[in-house]
Every structure is written in structure tokens, then in C-alpha cells.
Amino acid sequence: MGLLGLKNLVFFSTRYTDAARSLLLHSMHPRYGYSFAIVGINITSMAYHLLIDDHLKTHFYSVVQERPKIEDFHLVYVHLFCEFNRFWIDSNPVNIMEFNVIREQFNQKIVDQLHSKQLPLRFAF
């Protein structure tokens, strides 16, 4: 996930600079903070597994006119990172040790969303 995670983060920070800066600031919050880079790698892993497990198939079919490209995957990453940030803060974690539980809850929420009638993912960044 290392190189793909780096490419996702570079795409995010260069194409959506304001959103990336906002998330970076949120990650430094004294109570709700998290390691921006580690969460980025986890989001890359989540996006990769959503793709491999065919959860993103309908999303790409609905959104992409031709064969999906790496940029389409990067956009999913940006969406997931932004949504995870909101989910993390809304979860009101006691500390960073709740990360795995909250990440799994978020993953299940996304899988459920991808299999519901609310397709495709709605990018709002």
C-alpha cells in the first residue's frame, strides 16, 4: 500500500489542496487528532479492497464512461478520506486507540452504501 498510498496522497494534495489542508488541520486536533499519513495508508488499503472485492464495480460502471483509470481510483480515495474524517469526528473517539473499531464501522458503512440504491458515491470535496 506504500507507493499507491503515496500516489493517492499526492493526487489529493495537488488536485484538492484546500480539502487536503482542511483534513490535515483536523488530524492535528488535540482531542480528535489522528496520524494523517497512517490514516491515508489505511484509506488506500480500504479503497483497494473495495475494488478487489468488487464493491466498487457498480460505482465505476455508473460514473466512468470508459475503462476506469487510476485517476478514478484516486477520486474514490479522496472521497473516502474526506468521509472518514467526518465519520471519525462524529464518532467522538475517546482516543486514537479506537481507530480500528471506527475504521471497521466506516468500512461497513461504505460497503452498505455501495450496495444500496444510493449509487454512485457522491463526491463532495
C-alpha atoms as a PDB file:
ATOM      1  CA  MET A   1       0.000   0.000   0.000  1.00  0.00           C
ATOM      2  CA  GLY A   2       3.014   2.264   0.415  1.00  0.00           C
ATOM      3  CA  LEU A   3       3.590   3.517  -3.140  1.00  0.00           C
ATOM      4  CA  LEU A   4      -0.097   3.519  -4.057  1.00  0.00           C
ATOM      5  CA  GLY A   5      -0.827   5.353  -0.802  1.00  0.00           C
ATOM      6  CA  LEU A   6       1.795   7.956  -1.653  1.00  0.00           C
ATOM      7  CA  LYS A   7       0.358   8.425  -5.142  1.00  0.00           C
ATOM      8  CA  ASN A   8      -3.136   8.817  -3.666  1.00  0.00           C
ATOM      9  CA  LEU A   9      -1.896  11.401  -1.170  1.00  0.00           C
ATOM     10  CA  VAL A  10      -0.003  13.352  -3.856  1.00  0.00           C
ATOM     11  CA  PHE A  11      -3.130  13.372  -6.051  1.00  0.00           C
ATOM     12  CA  PHE A  12      -5.251  14.548  -3.123  1.00  0.00           C
ATOM     13  CA  SER A  13      -2.858  17.287  -2.030  1.00  0.00           C
ATOM     14  CA  THR A  14      -2.222  18.632  -5.538  1.00  0.00           C
ATOM     15  CA  ARG A  15      -5.728  18.406  -7.022  1.00  0.00           C
ATOM     16  CA  TYR A  16      -7.763  19.186  -3.902  1.00  0.00           C
ATOM     17  CA  THR A  17      -5.319  21.273  -1.903  1.00  0.00           C
ATOM     18  CA  ASP A  18      -7.893  23.080   0.238  1.00  0.00           C
ATOM     19  CA  ALA A  19      -9.658  19.865   1.232  1.00  0.00           C
ATOM     20  CA  ALA A  20      -6.327  18.145   1.978  1.00  0.00           C
ATOM     21  CA  ARG A  21      -5.208  21.080   4.145  1.00  0.00           C
ATOM     22  CA  SER A  22      -8.501  21.034   5.988  1.00  0.00           C
ATOM     23  CA  LEU A  23      -8.131  17.319   6.768  1.00  0.00           C
ATOM     24  CA  LEU A  24      -4.521  17.840   7.812  1.00  0.00           C
ATOM     25  CA  LEU A  25      -5.660  20.524  10.264  1.00  0.00           C
ATOM     26  CA  HIS A  26      -8.387  18.210  11.601  1.00  0.00           C
ATOM     27  CA  SER A  27      -5.781  15.475  12.057  1.00  0.00           C
ATOM     28  CA  MET A  28      -3.842  17.784  14.400  1.00  0.00           C
ATOM     29  CA  HIS A  29      -6.820  18.473  16.672  1.00  0.00           C
ATOM     30  CA  PRO A  30      -5.801  17.986  20.318  1.00  0.00           C
ATOM     31  CA  ARG A  31      -8.730  15.664  21.091  1.00  0.00           C
ATOM     32  CA  TYR A  32      -9.787  14.163  17.760  1.00  0.00           C
ATOM     33  CA  GLY A  33      -6.393  14.098  16.058  1.00  0.00           C
ATOM     34  CA  TYR A  34      -5.007  11.146  14.131  1.00  0.00           C
ATOM     35  CA  SER A  35      -1.892  10.378  12.127  1.00  0.00           C
ATOM     36  CA  PHE A  36      -2.674  11.814   8.708  1.00  0.00           C
ATOM     37  CA  ALA A  37      -0.210   9.562   6.858  1.00  0.00           C
ATOM     38  CA  ILE A  38      -1.265   6.366   8.630  1.00  0.00           C
ATOM     39  CA  VAL A  39      -4.941   7.078   8.020  1.00  0.00           C
ATOM     40  CA  GLY A  40      -4.085   7.788   4.381  1.00  0.00           C
ATOM     41  CA  ILE A  41      -2.450   4.375   4.054  1.00  0.00           C
ATOM     42  CA  ASN A  42      -5.458   2.738   5.723  1.00  0.00           C
ATOM     43  CA  ILE A  43      -7.817   4.536   3.325  1.00  0.00           C
ATOM     44  CA  THR A  44      -5.712   3.338   0.382  1.00  0.00           C
ATOM     45  CA  SER A  45      -5.974  -0.212   1.700  1.00  0.00           C
ATOM     46  CA  MET A  46      -9.725   0.151   2.149  1.00  0.00           C
ATOM     47  CA  ALA A  47     -10.182   1.506  -1.384  1.00  0.00           C
ATOM     48  CA  TYR A  48      -8.006  -1.266  -2.793  1.00  0.00           C
ATOM     49  CA  HIS A  49     -10.005  -3.977  -1.023  1.00  0.00           C
ATOM     50  CA  LEU A  50     -13.304  -2.401  -2.064  1.00  0.00           C
ATOM     51  CA  LEU A  51     -12.039  -2.621  -5.637  1.00  0.00           C
ATOM     52  CA  ILE A  52     -10.674  -6.178  -5.380  1.00  0.00           C
ATOM     53  CA  ASP A  53     -13.839  -7.414  -3.649  1.00  0.00           C
ATOM     54  CA  ASP A  54     -15.993  -5.893  -6.454  1.00  0.00           C
ATOM     55  CA  HIS A  55     -17.773  -3.432  -4.165  1.00  0.00           C
ATOM     56  CA  LEU A  56     -16.756  -0.545  -6.458  1.00  0.00           C
ATOM     57  CA  LYS A  57     -17.867  -2.259  -9.665  1.00  0.00           C
ATOM     58  CA  THR A  58     -21.310  -0.636  -9.822  1.00  0.00           C
ATOM     59  CA  HIS A  59     -19.886   2.738  -8.795  1.00  0.00           C
ATOM     60  CA  PHE A  60     -17.370   2.726 -11.644  1.00  0.00           C
ATOM     61  CA  TYR A  61     -19.968   1.401 -14.083  1.00  0.00           C
ATOM     62  CA  SER A  62     -22.260   4.314 -13.165  1.00  0.00           C
ATOM     63  CA  VAL A  63     -19.639   7.067 -13.102  1.00  0.00           C
ATOM     64  CA  VAL A  64     -16.898   6.241 -15.586  1.00  0.00           C
ATOM     65  CA  GLN A  65     -17.632   6.446 -19.320  1.00  0.00           C
ATOM     66  CA  GLU A  66     -14.707   4.256 -20.420  1.00  0.00           C
ATOM     67  CA  ARG A  67     -12.489   1.807 -18.583  1.00  0.00           C
ATOM     68  CA  PRO A  68     -11.658   3.127 -15.117  1.00  0.00           C
ATOM     69  CA  LYS A  69      -8.252   4.762 -14.823  1.00  0.00           C
ATOM     70  CA  ILE A  70      -6.021   5.334 -11.829  1.00  0.00           C
ATOM     71  CA  GLU A  71      -7.469   8.845 -11.520  1.00  0.00           C
ATOM     72  CA  ASP A  72     -10.896   7.302 -10.904  1.00  0.00           C
ATOM     73  CA  PHE A  73      -9.379   5.262  -8.078  1.00  0.00           C
ATOM     74  CA  HIS A  74      -7.709   8.405  -6.701  1.00  0.00           C
ATOM     75  CA  LEU A  75     -11.103  10.126  -6.630  1.00  0.00           C
ATOM     76  CA  VAL A  76     -12.554   7.256  -4.601  1.00  0.00           C
ATOM     77  CA  TYR A  77      -9.607   7.627  -2.205  1.00  0.00           C
ATOM     78  CA  VAL A  78     -10.244  11.365  -1.801  1.00  0.00           C
ATOM     79  CA  HIS A  79     -13.937  10.725  -1.171  1.00  0.00           C
ATOM     80  CA  LEU A  80     -13.206   8.004   1.393  1.00  0.00           C
ATOM     81  CA  PHE A  81     -10.608  10.135   3.202  1.00  0.00           C
ATOM     82  CA  CYS A  82     -12.989  13.116   3.446  1.00  0.00           C
ATOM     83  CA  GLU A  83     -15.851  10.914   4.592  1.00  0.00           C
ATOM     84  CA  PHE A  84     -13.670   9.075   7.104  1.00  0.00           C
ATOM     85  CA  ASN A  85     -12.588  12.375   8.611  1.00  0.00           C
ATOM     86  CA  ARG A  86     -16.252  13.323   9.155  1.00  0.00           C
ATOM     87  CA  PHE A  87     -17.072   9.858  10.480  1.00  0.00           C
ATOM     88  CA  TRP A  88     -14.108   9.956  12.872  1.00  0.00           C
ATOM     89  CA  ILE A  89     -15.118  13.311  14.371  1.00  0.00           C
ATOM     90  CA  ASP A  90     -18.802  12.345  14.534  1.00  0.00           C
ATOM     91  CA  SER A  91     -17.806   9.129  16.353  1.00  0.00           C
ATOM     92  CA  ASN A  92     -16.375  11.238  19.171  1.00  0.00           C
ATOM     93  CA  PRO A  93     -13.452   8.883  19.887  1.00  0.00           C
ATOM     94  CA  VAL A  94     -12.006   8.860  23.397  1.00  0.00           C
ATOM     95  CA  ASN A  95      -8.519   8.465  21.930  1.00  0.00           C
ATOM     96  CA  ILE A  96      -6.620   7.095  18.946  1.00  0.00           C
ATOM     97  CA  MET A  97      -6.901   3.564  20.334  1.00  0.00           C
ATOM     98  CA  GLU A  98     -10.466   3.461  18.977  1.00  0.00           C
ATOM     99  CA  PHE A  99      -9.155   3.788  15.424  1.00  0.00           C
ATOM    100  CA  ASN A 100      -9.549   0.128  14.413  1.00  0.00           C
ATOM    101  CA  VAL A 101     -13.122  -0.109  15.652  1.00  0.00           C
ATOM    102  CA  ILE A 102     -14.129   3.155  13.989  1.00  0.00           C
ATOM    103  CA  ARG A 103     -12.331   2.209  10.762  1.00  0.00           C
ATOM    104  CA  GLU A 104     -14.258  -1.093  10.614  1.00  0.00           C
ATOM    105  CA  GLN A 105     -17.557   0.707  11.261  1.00  0.00           C
ATOM    106  CA  PHE A 106     -16.725   3.169   8.498  1.00  0.00           C
ATOM    107  CA  ASN A 107     -15.789   0.373   6.108  1.00  0.00           C
ATOM    108  CA  GLN A 108     -19.110  -1.369   6.748  1.00  0.00           C
ATOM    109  CA  LYS A 109     -20.981   1.902   6.218  1.00  0.00           C
ATOM    110  CA  ILE A 110     -19.281   2.372   2.828  1.00  0.00           C
ATOM    111  CA  VAL A 111     -19.921  -1.236   1.758  1.00  0.00           C
ATOM    112  CA  ASP A 112     -23.583  -0.848   2.726  1.00  0.00           C
ATOM    113  CA  GLN A 113     -23.768   2.426   0.812  1.00  0.00           C
ATOM    114  CA  LEU A 114     -22.205   0.881  -2.279  1.00  0.00           C
ATOM    115  CA  HIS A 115     -24.792  -1.913  -2.232  1.00  0.00           C
ATOM    116  CA  SER A 116     -27.740   0.368  -1.608  1.00  0.00           C
ATOM    117  CA  LYS A 117     -29.695   2.395  -4.105  1.00  0.00           C
ATOM    118  CA  GLN A 118     -27.607   5.471  -3.244  1.00  0.00           C
ATOM    119  CA  LEU A 119     -25.144   4.717  -6.010  1.00  0.00           C
ATOM    120  CA  PRO A 120     -22.746   6.033  -7.090  1.00  0.00           C
ATOM    121  CA  LEU A 121     -20.598   7.598  -4.400  1.00  0.00           C
ATOM    122  CA  ARG A 122     -21.300  11.312  -4.296  1.00  0.00           C
ATOM    123  CA  PHE A 123     -18.096  13.283  -4.290  1.00  0.00           C
ATOM    124  CA  ALA A 124     -18.380  16.451  -2.206  1.00  0.00           C
ATOM    125  CA  PHE A 125     -14.916  17.919  -1.925  1.00  0.00           C
END
